[in-house]
Amino acid sequence: MNADLFRYHAAKNHDNQKSIAAFLGKCCTSISYKLSGKRGDFSRGDIAKLKARWKLTPQDIDAIFFSEDTIK
């Protein structure tokens, strides 16, 4: 997970952790943990929702959610 790139796309689309959490039906702490890599990853459903909201390309999705450090 590339948290910096996630935050870039969030800011570009006028989102923050609170608005993303509300949109995905999660608490802010859950989003924070996912971004820091402490607990779990974003689900396929969450990624699909963010893809539509932020108009992400398949390359964007790979770069954000499937960065090299995530694949082991």
PDB file of N, CA and C in Angstrom:
ATOM      1  N   MET A   1       0.847  -1.180   0.000  1.00  0.00           N
ATOM      2  CA  MET A   1       0.000   0.000   0.000  1.00  0.00           C
ATOM      3  C   MET A   1       0.887   1.236   0.000  1.00  0.00           C
ATOM      4  N   ASN A   2       0.616   2.096  -0.934  1.00  0.00           N
ATOM      5  CA  ASN A   2       1.358   3.353  -1.010  1.00  0.00           C
ATOM      6  C   ASN A   2       0.472   4.445  -0.387  1.00  0.00           C
ATOM      7  N   ALA A   3       0.660   4.680   0.907  1.00  0.00           N
ATOM      8  CA  ALA A   3      -0.180   5.621   1.646  1.00  0.00           C
ATOM      9  C   ALA A   3      -0.027   7.047   1.141  1.00  0.00           C
ATOM     10  N   ASP A   4       1.169   7.427   0.719  1.00  0.00           N
ATOM     11  CA  ASP A   4       1.378   8.782   0.210  1.00  0.00           C
ATOM     12  C   ASP A   4       0.582   9.012  -1.072  1.00  0.00           C
ATOM     13  N   LEU A   5       0.579   8.030  -1.948  1.00  0.00           N
ATOM     14  CA  LEU A   5      -0.182   8.139  -3.188  1.00  0.00           C
ATOM     15  C   LEU A   5      -1.687   8.123  -2.903  1.00  0.00           C
ATOM     16  N   PHE A   6      -2.105   7.331  -1.924  1.00  0.00           N
ATOM     17  CA  PHE A   6      -3.507   7.318  -1.493  1.00  0.00           C
ATOM     18  C   PHE A   6      -3.905   8.722  -1.027  1.00  0.00           C
ATOM     19  N   ARG A   7      -3.080   9.314  -0.182  1.00  0.00           N
ATOM     20  CA  ARG A   7      -3.376  10.656   0.340  1.00  0.00           C
ATOM     21  C   ARG A   7      -3.376  11.705  -0.776  1.00  0.00           C
ATOM     22  N   TYR A   8      -2.494  11.535  -1.751  1.00  0.00           N
ATOM     23  CA  TYR A   8      -2.462  12.444  -2.901  1.00  0.00           C
ATOM     24  C   TYR A   8      -3.805  12.420  -3.634  1.00  0.00           C
ATOM     25  N   HIS A   9      -4.281  11.215  -3.955  1.00  0.00           N
ATOM     26  CA  HIS A   9      -5.553  11.099  -4.680  1.00  0.00           C
ATOM     27  C   HIS A   9      -6.722  11.583  -3.824  1.00  0.00           C
ATOM     28  N   ALA A  10      -6.648  11.347  -2.532  1.00  0.00           N
ATOM     29  CA  ALA A  10      -7.695  11.837  -1.635  1.00  0.00           C
ATOM     30  C   ALA A  10      -7.733  13.367  -1.676  1.00  0.00           C
ATOM     31  N   ALA A  11      -6.585  14.000  -1.514  1.00  0.00           N
ATOM     32  CA  ALA A  11      -6.525  15.468  -1.512  1.00  0.00           C
ATOM     33  C   ALA A  11      -6.947  16.035  -2.867  1.00  0.00           C
ATOM     34  N   LYS A  12      -6.511  15.389  -3.921  1.00  0.00           N
ATOM     35  CA  LYS A  12      -6.856  15.825  -5.277  1.00  0.00           C
ATOM     36  C   LYS A  12      -8.376  15.823  -5.481  1.00  0.00           C
ATOM     37  N   ASN A  13      -9.063  14.933  -4.780  1.00  0.00           N
ATOM     38  CA  ASN A  13     -10.508  14.805  -4.902  1.00  0.00           C
ATOM     39  C   ASN A  13     -11.244  15.394  -3.698  1.00  0.00           C
ATOM     40  N   HIS A  14     -10.561  16.266  -2.979  1.00  0.00           N
ATOM     41  CA  HIS A  14     -11.151  16.988  -1.839  1.00  0.00           C
ATOM     42  C   HIS A  14     -11.661  16.045  -0.754  1.00  0.00           C
ATOM     43  N   ASP A  15     -10.949  14.964  -0.529  1.00  0.00           N
ATOM     44  CA  ASP A  15     -11.291  14.006   0.523  1.00  0.00           C
ATOM     45  C   ASP A  15     -10.234  14.053   1.613  1.00  0.00           C
ATOM     46  N   ASN A  16     -10.619  13.591   2.787  1.00  0.00           N
ATOM     47  CA  ASN A  16      -9.691  13.387   3.896  1.00  0.00           C
ATOM     48  C   ASN A  16     -10.093  12.078   4.568  1.00  0.00           C
ATOM     49  N   GLN A  17      -9.378  11.687   5.605  1.00  0.00           N
ATOM     50  CA  GLN A  17      -9.674  10.397   6.239  1.00  0.00           C
ATOM     51  C   GLN A  17     -11.110  10.334   6.746  1.00  0.00           C
ATOM     52  N   LYS A  18     -11.601  11.445   7.270  1.00  0.00           N
ATOM     53  CA  LYS A  18     -12.963  11.463   7.810  1.00  0.00           C
ATOM     54  C   LYS A  18     -14.000  11.267   6.697  1.00  0.00           C
ATOM     55  N   SER A  19     -13.841  11.965   5.583  1.00  0.00           N
ATOM     56  CA  SER A  19     -14.812  11.828   4.487  1.00  0.00           C
ATOM     57  C   SER A  19     -14.721  10.452   3.824  1.00  0.00           C
ATOM     58  N   ILE A  20     -13.510   9.914   3.738  1.00  0.00           N
ATOM     59  CA  ILE A  20     -13.330   8.576   3.170  1.00  0.00           C
ATOM     60  C   ILE A  20     -13.979   7.536   4.079  1.00  0.00           C
ATOM     61  N   ALA A  21     -13.755   7.671   5.385  1.00  0.00           N
ATOM     62  CA  ALA A  21     -14.355   6.742   6.349  1.00  0.00           C
ATOM     63  C   ALA A  21     -15.875   6.771   6.246  1.00  0.00           C
ATOM     64  N   ALA A  22     -16.449   7.958   6.186  1.00  0.00           N
ATOM     65  CA  ALA A  22     -17.902   8.080   6.077  1.00  0.00           C
ATOM     66  C   ALA A  22     -18.403   7.454   4.778  1.00  0.00           C
ATOM     67  N   PHE A  23     -17.703   7.714   3.681  1.00  0.00           N
ATOM     68  CA  PHE A  23     -18.083   7.179   2.381  1.00  0.00           C
ATOM     69  C   PHE A  23     -18.054   5.649   2.365  1.00  0.00           C
ATOM     70  N   LEU A  24     -17.031   5.074   3.019  1.00  0.00           N
ATOM     71  CA  LEU A  24     -16.885   3.618   3.030  1.00  0.00           C
ATOM     72  C   LEU A  24     -17.653   2.948   4.175  1.00  0.00           C
ATOM     73  N   GLY A  25     -18.251   3.756   5.052  1.00  0.00           N
ATOM     74  CA  GLY A  25     -18.996   3.206   6.179  1.00  0.00           C
ATOM     75  C   GLY A  25     -18.095   2.610   7.246  1.00  0.00           C
ATOM     76  N   LYS A  26     -16.954   3.226   7.443  1.00  0.00           N
ATOM     77  CA  LYS A  26     -15.982   2.755   8.429  1.00  0.00           C
ATOM     78  C   LYS A  26     -15.653   3.898   9.391  1.00  0.00           C
ATOM     79  N   CYS A  27     -14.960   3.579  10.463  1.00  0.00           N
ATOM     80  CA  CYS A  27     -14.542   4.638  11.381  1.00  0.00           C
ATOM     81  C   CYS A  27     -13.185   5.179  10.926  1.00  0.00           C
ATOM     82  N   CYS A  28     -12.874   6.396  11.349  1.00  0.00           N
ATOM     83  CA  CYS A  28     -11.608   7.045  10.971  1.00  0.00           C
ATOM     84  C   CYS A  28     -10.400   6.228  11.412  1.00  0.00           C
ATOM     85  N   THR A  29     -10.502   5.621  12.579  1.00  0.00           N
ATOM     86  CA  THR A  29      -9.399   4.820  13.100  1.00  0.00           C
ATOM     87  C   THR A  29      -9.093   3.654  12.165  1.00  0.00           C
ATOM     88  N   SER A  30     -10.128   3.043  11.625  1.00  0.00           N
ATOM     89  CA  SER A  30      -9.955   1.927  10.693  1.00  0.00           C
ATOM     90  C   SER A  30      -9.177   2.365   9.452  1.00  0.00           C
ATOM     91  N   ILE A  31      -9.518   3.519   8.919  1.00  0.00           N
ATOM     92  CA  ILE A  31      -8.808   4.042   7.744  1.00  0.00           C
ATOM     93  C   ILE A  31      -7.358   4.341   8.099  1.00  0.00           C
ATOM     94  N   SER A  32      -7.142   4.943   9.245  1.00  0.00           N
ATOM     95  CA  SER A  32      -5.786   5.258   9.695  1.00  0.00           C
ATOM     96  C   SER A  32      -4.943   3.992   9.828  1.00  0.00           C
ATOM     97  N   TYR A  33      -5.509   2.953  10.419  1.00  0.00           N
ATOM     98  CA  TYR A  33      -4.782   1.680  10.566  1.00  0.00           C
ATOM     99  C   TYR A  33      -4.453   1.079   9.200  1.00  0.00           C
ATOM    100  N   LYS A  34      -5.384   1.137   8.271  1.00  0.00           N
ATOM    101  CA  LYS A  34      -5.133   0.585   6.940  1.00  0.00           C
ATOM    102  C   LYS A  34      -4.004   1.350   6.241  1.00  0.00           C
ATOM    103  N   LEU A  35      -4.012   2.670   6.381  1.00  0.00           N
ATOM    104  CA  LEU A  35      -2.974   3.483   5.742  1.00  0.00           C
ATOM    105  C   LEU A  35      -1.600   3.253   6.362  1.00  0.00           C
ATOM    106  N   SER A  36      -1.566   2.993   7.650  1.00  0.00           N
ATOM    107  CA  SER A  36      -0.277   2.778   8.315  1.00  0.00           C
ATOM    108  C   SER A  36       0.201   1.336   8.200  1.00  0.00           C
ATOM    109  N   GLY A  37      -0.678   0.460   7.702  1.00  0.00           N
ATOM    110  CA  GLY A  37      -0.317  -0.950   7.564  1.00  0.00           C
ATOM    111  C   GLY A  37      -0.405  -1.731   8.855  1.00  0.00           C
ATOM    112  N   LYS A  38      -1.011  -1.137   9.886  1.00  0.00           N
ATOM    113  CA  LYS A  38      -1.095  -1.808  11.184  1.00  0.00           C
ATOM    114  C   LYS A  38      -2.153  -2.911  11.211  1.00  0.00           C
ATOM    115  N   ARG A  39      -3.247  -2.688  10.519  1.00  0.00           N
ATOM    116  CA  ARG A  39      -4.331  -3.676  10.546  1.00  0.00           C
ATOM    117  C   ARG A  39      -5.014  -3.779   9.192  1.00  0.00           C
ATOM    118  N   GLY A  40      -4.785  -4.862   8.519  1.00  0.00           N
ATOM    119  CA  GLY A  40      -5.533  -5.176   7.316  1.00  0.00           C
ATOM    120  C   GLY A  40      -5.298  -4.259   6.141  1.00  0.00           C
ATOM    121  N   ASP A  41      -6.006  -4.581   5.088  1.00  0.00           N
ATOM    122  CA  ASP A  41      -5.939  -3.854   3.832  1.00  0.00           C
ATOM    123  C   ASP A  41      -7.344  -3.420   3.453  1.00  0.00           C
ATOM    124  N   PHE A  42      -7.433  -2.579   2.455  1.00  0.00           N
ATOM    125  CA  PHE A  42      -8.735  -2.206   1.935  1.00  0.00           C
ATOM    126  C   PHE A  42      -9.329  -3.402   1.202  1.00  0.00           C
ATOM    127  N   SER A  43     -10.624  -3.603   1.367  1.00  0.00           N
ATOM    128  CA  SER A  43     -11.300  -4.723   0.711  1.00  0.00           C
ATOM    129  C   SER A  43     -11.476  -4.423  -0.779  1.00  0.00           C
ATOM    130  N   ARG A  44     -11.800  -5.460  -1.524  1.00  0.00           N
ATOM    131  CA  ARG A  44     -12.063  -5.279  -2.960  1.00  0.00           C
ATOM    132  C   ARG A  44     -13.206  -4.298  -3.163  1.00  0.00           C
ATOM    133  N   GLY A  45     -14.221  -4.399  -2.303  1.00  0.00           N
ATOM    134  CA  GLY A  45     -15.357  -3.488  -2.391  1.00  0.00           C
ATOM    135  C   GLY A  45     -14.969  -2.048  -2.126  1.00  0.00           C
ATOM    136  N   ASP A  46     -14.117  -1.835  -1.112  1.00  0.00           N
ATOM    137  CA  ASP A  46     -13.636  -0.485  -0.796  1.00  0.00           C
ATOM    138  C   ASP A  46     -12.842   0.091  -1.968  1.00  0.00           C
ATOM    139  N   ILE A  47     -11.990  -0.724  -2.544  1.00  0.00           N
ATOM    140  CA  ILE A  47     -11.172  -0.282  -3.678  1.00  0.00           C
ATOM    141  C   ILE A  47     -12.069   0.070  -4.860  1.00  0.00           C
ATOM    142  N   ALA A  48     -13.094  -0.735  -5.113  1.00  0.00           N
ATOM    143  CA  ALA A  48     -14.022  -0.461  -6.214  1.00  0.00           C
ATOM    144  C   ALA A  48     -14.763   0.857  -5.993  1.00  0.00           C
ATOM    145  N   LYS A  49     -15.174   1.115  -4.757  1.00  0.00           N
ATOM    146  CA  LYS A  49     -15.873   2.364  -4.453  1.00  0.00           C
ATOM    147  C   LYS A  49     -14.949   3.571  -4.654  1.00  0.00           C
ATOM    148  N   LEU A  50     -13.709   3.448  -4.191  1.00  0.00           N
ATOM    149  CA  LEU A  50     -12.755   4.549  -4.355  1.00  0.00           C
ATOM    150  C   LEU A  50     -12.380   4.740  -5.823  1.00  0.00           C
ATOM    151  N   LYS A  51     -12.313   3.651  -6.564  1.00  0.00           N
ATOM    152  CA  LYS A  51     -12.029   3.728  -8.000  1.00  0.00           C
ATOM    153  C   LYS A  51     -13.078   4.593  -8.691  1.00  0.00           C
ATOM    154  N   ALA A  52     -14.339   4.343  -8.382  1.00  0.00           N
ATOM    155  CA  ALA A  52     -15.419   5.116  -9.005  1.00  0.00           C
ATOM    156  C   ALA A  52     -15.413   6.568  -8.515  1.00  0.00           C
ATOM    157  N   ARG A  53     -15.230   6.757  -7.223  1.00  0.00           N
ATOM    158  CA  ARG A  53     -15.276   8.111  -6.642  1.00  0.00           C
ATOM    159  C   ARG A  53     -14.144   8.983  -7.171  1.00  0.00           C
ATOM    160  N   TRP A  54     -12.946   8.409  -7.263  1.00  0.00           N
ATOM    161  CA  TRP A  54     -11.766   9.176  -7.666  1.00  0.00           C
ATOM    162  C   TRP A  54     -11.420   9.010  -9.137  1.00  0.00           C
ATOM    163  N   LYS A  55     -12.199   8.212  -9.870  1.00  0.00           N
ATOM    164  CA  LYS A  55     -11.946   7.955 -11.296  1.00  0.00           C
ATOM    165  C   LYS A  55     -10.519   7.441 -11.523  1.00  0.00           C
ATOM    166  N   LEU A  56     -10.179   6.397 -10.763  1.00  0.00           N
ATOM    167  CA  LEU A  56      -8.834   5.813 -10.835  1.00  0.00           C
ATOM    168  C   LEU A  56      -8.702   4.882 -12.029  1.00  0.00           C
ATOM    169  N   THR A  57      -7.532   4.872 -12.616  1.00  0.00           N
ATOM    170  CA  THR A  57      -7.214   3.929 -13.688  1.00  0.00           C
ATOM    171  C   THR A  57      -6.727   2.626 -13.052  1.00  0.00           C
ATOM    172  N   PRO A  58      -6.692   1.553 -13.821  1.00  0.00           N
ATOM    173  CA  PRO A  58      -6.111   0.312 -13.288  1.00  0.00           C
ATOM    174  C   PRO A  58      -4.663   0.507 -12.823  1.00  0.00           C
ATOM    175  N   GLN A  59      -3.920   1.362 -13.507  1.00  0.00           N
ATOM    176  CA  GLN A  59      -2.542   1.640 -13.109  1.00  0.00           C
ATOM    177  C   GLN A  59      -2.499   2.375 -11.766  1.00  0.00           C
ATOM    178  N   ASP A  60      -3.431   3.311 -11.566  1.00  0.00           N
ATOM    179  CA  ASP A  60      -3.520   4.010 -10.279  1.00  0.00           C
ATOM    180  C   ASP A  60      -3.794   3.023  -9.159  1.00  0.00           C
ATOM    181  N   ILE A  61      -4.740   2.134  -9.380  1.00  0.00           N
ATOM    182  CA  ILE A  61      -5.115   1.148  -8.357  1.00  0.00           C
ATOM    183  C   ILE A  61      -3.927   0.272  -8.002  1.00  0.00           C
ATOM    184  N   ASP A  62      -3.220  -0.210  -9.014  1.00  0.00           N
ATOM    185  CA  ASP A  62      -2.034  -1.026  -8.762  1.00  0.00           C
ATOM    186  C   ASP A  62      -0.997  -0.252  -7.961  1.00  0.00           C
ATOM    187  N   ALA A  63      -0.760   1.000  -8.348  1.00  0.00           N
ATOM    188  CA  ALA A  63       0.264   1.811  -7.678  1.00  0.00           C
ATOM    189  C   ALA A  63      -0.106   2.116  -6.230  1.00  0.00           C
ATOM    190  N   ILE A  64      -1.392   2.354  -5.974  1.00  0.00           N
ATOM    191  CA  ILE A  64      -1.824   2.693  -4.618  1.00  0.00           C
ATOM    192  C   ILE A  64      -1.923   1.458  -3.733  1.00  0.00           C
ATOM    193  N   PHE A  65      -2.669   0.477  -4.179  1.00  0.00           N
ATOM    194  CA  PHE A  65      -3.040  -0.641  -3.311  1.00  0.00           C
ATOM    195  C   PHE A  65      -2.159  -1.880  -3.445  1.00  0.00           C
ATOM    196  N   PHE A  66      -1.403  -1.977  -4.531  1.00  0.00           N
ATOM    197  CA  PHE A  66      -0.602  -3.188  -4.761  1.00  0.00           C
ATOM    198  C   PHE A  66       0.846  -2.834  -5.063  1.00  0.00           C
ATOM    199  N   SER A  67       1.404  -1.919  -4.280  1.00  0.00           N
ATOM    200  CA  SER A  67       2.797  -1.532  -4.482  1.00  0.00           C
ATOM    201  C   SER A  67       3.715  -2.705  -4.154  1.00  0.00           C
ATOM    202  N   GLU A  68       4.919  -2.624  -4.641  1.00  0.00           N
ATOM    203  CA  GLU A  68       5.877  -3.732  -4.513  1.00  0.00           C
ATOM    204  C   GLU A  68       6.085  -4.196  -3.080  1.00  0.00           C
ATOM    205  N   ASP A  69       6.052  -3.275  -2.117  1.00  0.00           N
ATOM    206  CA  ASP A  69       6.293  -3.680  -0.735  1.00  0.00           C
ATOM    207  C   ASP A  69       5.127  -4.479  -0.151  1.00  0.00           C
ATOM    208  N   THR A  70       3.971  -4.440  -0.833  1.00  0.00           N
ATOM    209  CA  THR A  70       2.809  -5.194  -0.359  1.00  0.00           C
ATOM    210  C   THR A  70       2.827  -6.630  -0.858  1.00  0.00           C
ATOM    211  N   ILE A  71       3.433  -6.829  -2.021  1.00  0.00           N
ATOM    212  CA  ILE A  71       3.456  -8.153  -2.636  1.00  0.00           C
ATOM    213  C   ILE A  71       4.663  -8.915  -2.114  1.00  0.00           C
ATOM    214  N   LYS A  72       4.392 -10.026  -1.448  1.00  0.00           N
ATOM    215  CA  LYS A  72       5.475 -10.799  -0.861  1.00  0.00           C
ATOM    216  C   LYS A  72       5.398 -12.233  -1.284  1.00  0.00           C
TER     217      LYS A  72
END
